[in-house]
Amino acid sequence: FPSHDSSSLAGRIASLKGADYYYLSDEFPDINYLRIWINAEKRYARLAKRWIVPDESRVDITMQQIKGISLENALVLPNAPLLESLAETVDTNWNSQLNIPLDSSIVLYAGGIDRENNIELILSVFPLTSSEYYLIMVGNSKGYATNPLYKHKRIVWIESPLSDEELVSLHQSSLCIIAFYSSMIWLQ
């Protein structure tokens, strides 16, 4: 099932039962490839008592994609650590930890490791960047790490799970964090 079907199902059940429905999405509706789920998700999102997104930058885009939802019903619920939790962050020298030169900059990929996220494009193009940059991929490589087409000395995979504190520390140590979705090319 597409990831957006649960929003549609919850909206339908709430509608049938006359219950309040709260639309929660950490992705944009138009990222789905099946029009049936896109349309259903948007239809039920319009009926939601509140609609919830993980950061302020997604409010306007969500409103553009779902015509008829109201800003007054928007709620931002961060899915990243809040500032007060950063005090507990472990201080890790990620360059040393990952065996990359100390004067190199970390570019962290933060997205799903799937074809729909243009992983092949990212892994193919990254070796063309300046040698000072190292791309850090966190998650199951699904074979990309060993595929000769995508393997490169400046692409480092962390396939073992990181604690929340380690992940926040890695975020803080990164020059930038990237994610790219093939169906969202207009976000560039």
Protein backbone atom coordinates (compact mmCIF):
# COMPACT_ATOMS: atom_id res chain seq x y z
CA PHE A 1 0.00 0.00 0.00
CA PRO A 2 1.21 3.52 -0.67
CA SER A 3 2.17 5.45 2.43
CA HIS A 4 -0.69 7.90 1.96
CA ASP A 5 -3.44 5.30 2.14
CA SER A 6 -3.51 5.41 5.96
CA SER A 7 -4.45 9.12 5.93
CA SER A 8 -7.24 8.36 3.49
CA LEU A 9 -8.47 5.38 5.49
CA ALA A 10 -8.48 7.31 8.77
CA GLY A 11 -10.31 10.19 7.12
CA ARG A 12 -12.92 7.85 5.66
CA ILE A 13 -13.51 6.08 8.99
CA ALA A 14 -13.82 9.43 10.84
CA SER A 15 -16.24 10.66 8.20
CA LEU A 16 -18.40 7.53 8.42
CA LYS A 17 -18.44 7.61 12.23
CA GLY A 18 -18.95 11.38 12.49
CA ALA A 19 -15.74 11.65 14.52
CA ASP A 20 -13.17 14.43 14.50
CA TYR A 21 -10.35 13.75 12.06
CA TYR A 22 -6.81 15.10 12.44
CA TYR A 23 -4.70 14.95 9.30
CA LEU A 24 -1.03 14.27 10.08
CA SER A 25 1.48 14.15 7.25
CA ASP A 26 5.26 14.23 7.18
CA GLU A 27 5.27 14.18 3.36
CA PHE A 28 3.60 16.32 0.74
CA PRO A 29 0.46 14.78 -0.74
CA ASP A 30 1.69 15.14 -4.33
CA ILE A 31 4.72 12.95 -3.63
CA ASN A 32 2.55 9.87 -4.10
CA TYR A 33 2.57 8.33 -7.58
CA LEU A 34 -0.97 6.96 -7.60
CA ARG A 35 -3.57 9.62 -8.34
CA ILE A 36 -6.27 7.68 -6.45
CA TRP A 37 -4.38 8.10 -3.15
CA ILE A 38 -3.44 11.70 -3.83
CA ASN A 39 -7.06 12.66 -4.47
CA ALA A 40 -8.39 10.69 -1.48
CA GLU A 41 -5.78 12.16 0.88
CA LYS A 42 -6.59 15.70 -0.25
CA ARG A 43 -10.34 15.12 0.03
CA TYR A 44 -10.10 13.92 3.64
CA ALA A 45 -7.48 16.53 4.58
CA ARG A 46 -10.05 19.20 3.67
CA LEU A 47 -12.45 17.64 6.21
CA ALA A 48 -9.87 17.54 9.02
CA LYS A 49 -10.48 19.50 12.20
CA ARG A 50 -6.70 20.16 12.30
CA TRP A 51 -3.93 19.39 9.84
CA ILE A 52 -0.44 18.76 11.16
CA VAL A 53 2.96 19.05 9.48
CA PRO A 54 6.49 18.59 10.92
CA ASP A 55 7.86 22.09 10.25
CA GLU A 56 6.82 25.60 9.28
CA SER A 57 8.31 25.37 5.79
CA ARG A 58 5.70 22.76 4.84
CA VAL A 59 2.65 24.84 5.73
CA ASP A 60 2.54 26.97 2.55
CA ILE A 61 3.40 24.07 0.25
CA THR A 62 0.75 21.85 1.85
CA MET A 63 -1.81 24.64 1.44
CA GLN A 64 -0.83 25.00 -2.23
CA GLN A 65 -1.27 21.28 -2.80
CA ILE A 66 -4.50 20.89 -0.83
CA LYS A 67 -6.79 23.70 -1.95
CA GLY A 68 -9.39 24.59 0.65
CA ILE A 69 -7.51 23.83 3.85
CA SER A 70 -7.31 26.70 6.29
CA LEU A 71 -4.23 28.22 7.88
CA GLU A 72 -6.19 28.56 11.13
CA ASN A 73 -6.40 24.75 11.31
CA ALA A 74 -2.67 24.21 10.76
CA LEU A 75 -0.48 22.88 13.53
CA VAL A 76 3.29 22.38 13.40
CA LEU A 77 4.47 19.37 15.37
CA PRO A 78 8.25 18.99 14.91
CA ASN A 79 9.53 15.50 14.22
CA ALA A 80 13.08 16.60 14.99
CA PRO A 81 14.60 17.08 18.44
CA LEU A 82 13.57 20.24 20.19
CA LEU A 83 16.27 22.72 21.22
CA GLU A 84 16.11 21.80 24.90
CA SER A 85 17.00 18.18 24.04
CA LEU A 86 20.18 19.25 22.23
CA ALA A 87 21.94 19.71 25.57
CA GLU A 88 22.03 15.90 25.82
CA THR A 89 23.69 15.52 22.42
CA VAL A 90 26.85 13.46 22.37
CA ASP A 91 29.93 15.27 21.11
CA THR A 92 31.37 13.02 18.41
CA ASN A 93 34.13 13.80 15.96
CA TRP A 94 32.35 12.28 12.98
CA ASN A 95 35.26 12.82 10.62
CA SER A 96 37.44 10.62 12.85
CA GLN A 97 34.61 8.20 13.56
CA LEU A 98 33.99 7.68 9.83
CA ASN A 99 37.67 7.70 8.83
CA ILE A 100 37.40 10.74 6.59
CA PRO A 101 39.94 13.58 6.53
CA LEU A 102 39.54 16.07 9.37
CA ASP A 103 39.48 19.02 6.94
CA SER A 104 36.61 17.52 4.93
CA SER A 105 33.00 18.64 5.10
CA ILE A 106 30.12 16.27 5.75
CA VAL A 107 27.06 16.37 3.51
CA LEU A 108 24.37 14.28 5.18
CA TYR A 109 21.63 12.59 3.17
CA ALA A 110 18.38 12.62 5.14
CA GLY A 111 15.71 10.80 3.25
CA GLY A 112 14.45 7.39 2.33
CA ILE A 113 16.88 5.14 0.52
CA ASP A 114 14.59 4.23 -2.33
CA ARG A 115 14.52 4.70 -6.05
CA GLU A 116 11.67 7.26 -5.71
CA ASN A 117 14.07 9.49 -3.76
CA ASN A 118 16.49 9.65 -6.70
CA ILE A 119 19.21 7.75 -4.86
CA GLU A 120 20.83 6.71 -8.16
CA LEU A 121 21.09 10.36 -9.23
CA ILE A 122 22.55 11.50 -5.91
CA LEU A 123 25.09 8.65 -5.78
CA SER A 124 26.06 9.15 -9.45
CA VAL A 125 26.48 12.93 -9.28
CA PHE A 126 28.11 13.27 -5.87
CA PRO A 127 31.57 12.05 -7.04
CA LEU A 128 31.63 15.10 -9.37
CA THR A 129 31.60 17.48 -6.39
CA SER A 130 34.72 18.96 -4.82
CA SER A 131 36.98 16.46 -3.07
CA GLU A 132 36.48 18.29 0.24
CA TYR A 133 32.93 16.92 0.52
CA TYR A 134 31.94 13.50 1.85
CA LEU A 135 28.40 12.22 1.48
CA ILE A 136 27.15 10.35 4.54
CA MET A 137 24.24 8.00 3.95
CA VAL A 138 22.44 6.68 7.03
CA GLY A 139 20.28 3.58 6.68
CA ASN A 140 20.05 0.27 4.91
CA SER A 141 21.97 0.72 1.64
CA LYS A 142 19.80 -1.88 -0.11
CA GLY A 143 22.85 -2.87 -2.14
CA TYR A 144 23.83 0.63 -3.25
CA ALA A 145 26.93 0.63 -1.01
CA THR A 146 28.42 -2.34 -2.85
CA ASN A 147 27.12 -1.61 -6.35
CA PRO A 148 30.13 -0.64 -8.50
CA LEU A 149 28.02 1.96 -10.32
CA TYR A 150 27.43 3.91 -7.09
CA LYS A 151 30.35 3.00 -4.84
CA HIS A 152 32.79 5.85 -4.26
CA LYS A 153 35.46 6.60 -1.64
CA ARG A 154 33.69 9.86 -0.66
CA ILE A 155 30.33 8.18 -0.12
CA VAL A 156 30.19 6.64 3.36
CA TRP A 157 27.36 4.44 4.58
CA ILE A 158 26.24 4.08 8.19
CA GLU A 159 23.96 1.06 8.11
CA SER A 160 23.80 0.36 11.83
CA PRO A 161 21.11 2.25 13.74
CA LEU A 162 22.11 5.52 15.39
CA SER A 163 20.66 6.71 18.68
CA ASP A 164 18.69 9.96 18.61
CA GLU A 165 21.63 11.69 20.30
CA GLU A 166 24.09 10.35 17.71
CA LEU A 167 21.84 11.41 14.85
CA VAL A 168 21.48 14.94 16.25
CA SER A 169 25.25 15.09 16.72
CA LEU A 170 25.77 14.01 13.10
CA HIS A 171 23.27 16.65 11.94
CA GLN A 172 25.17 19.31 13.88
CA SER A 173 28.49 18.17 12.40
CA SER A 174 27.22 18.37 8.83
CA LEU A 175 27.80 21.26 6.46
CA CYS A 176 24.37 20.61 5.01
CA ILE A 177 21.61 18.03 4.96
CA ILE A 178 20.02 17.02 1.67
CA ALA A 179 17.00 15.03 0.53
CA PHE A 180 15.66 14.84 -2.98
CA TYR A 181 12.38 13.45 -4.24
CA SER A 182 11.98 12.74 -7.94
CA SER A 183 8.35 13.84 -8.06
CA MET A 184 9.13 17.05 -6.18
CA ILE A 185 11.65 18.55 -8.60
CA TRP A 186 9.76 21.88 -8.43
CA LEU A 187 11.01 22.32 -4.82
CA GLN A 188 14.50 23.14 -6.04
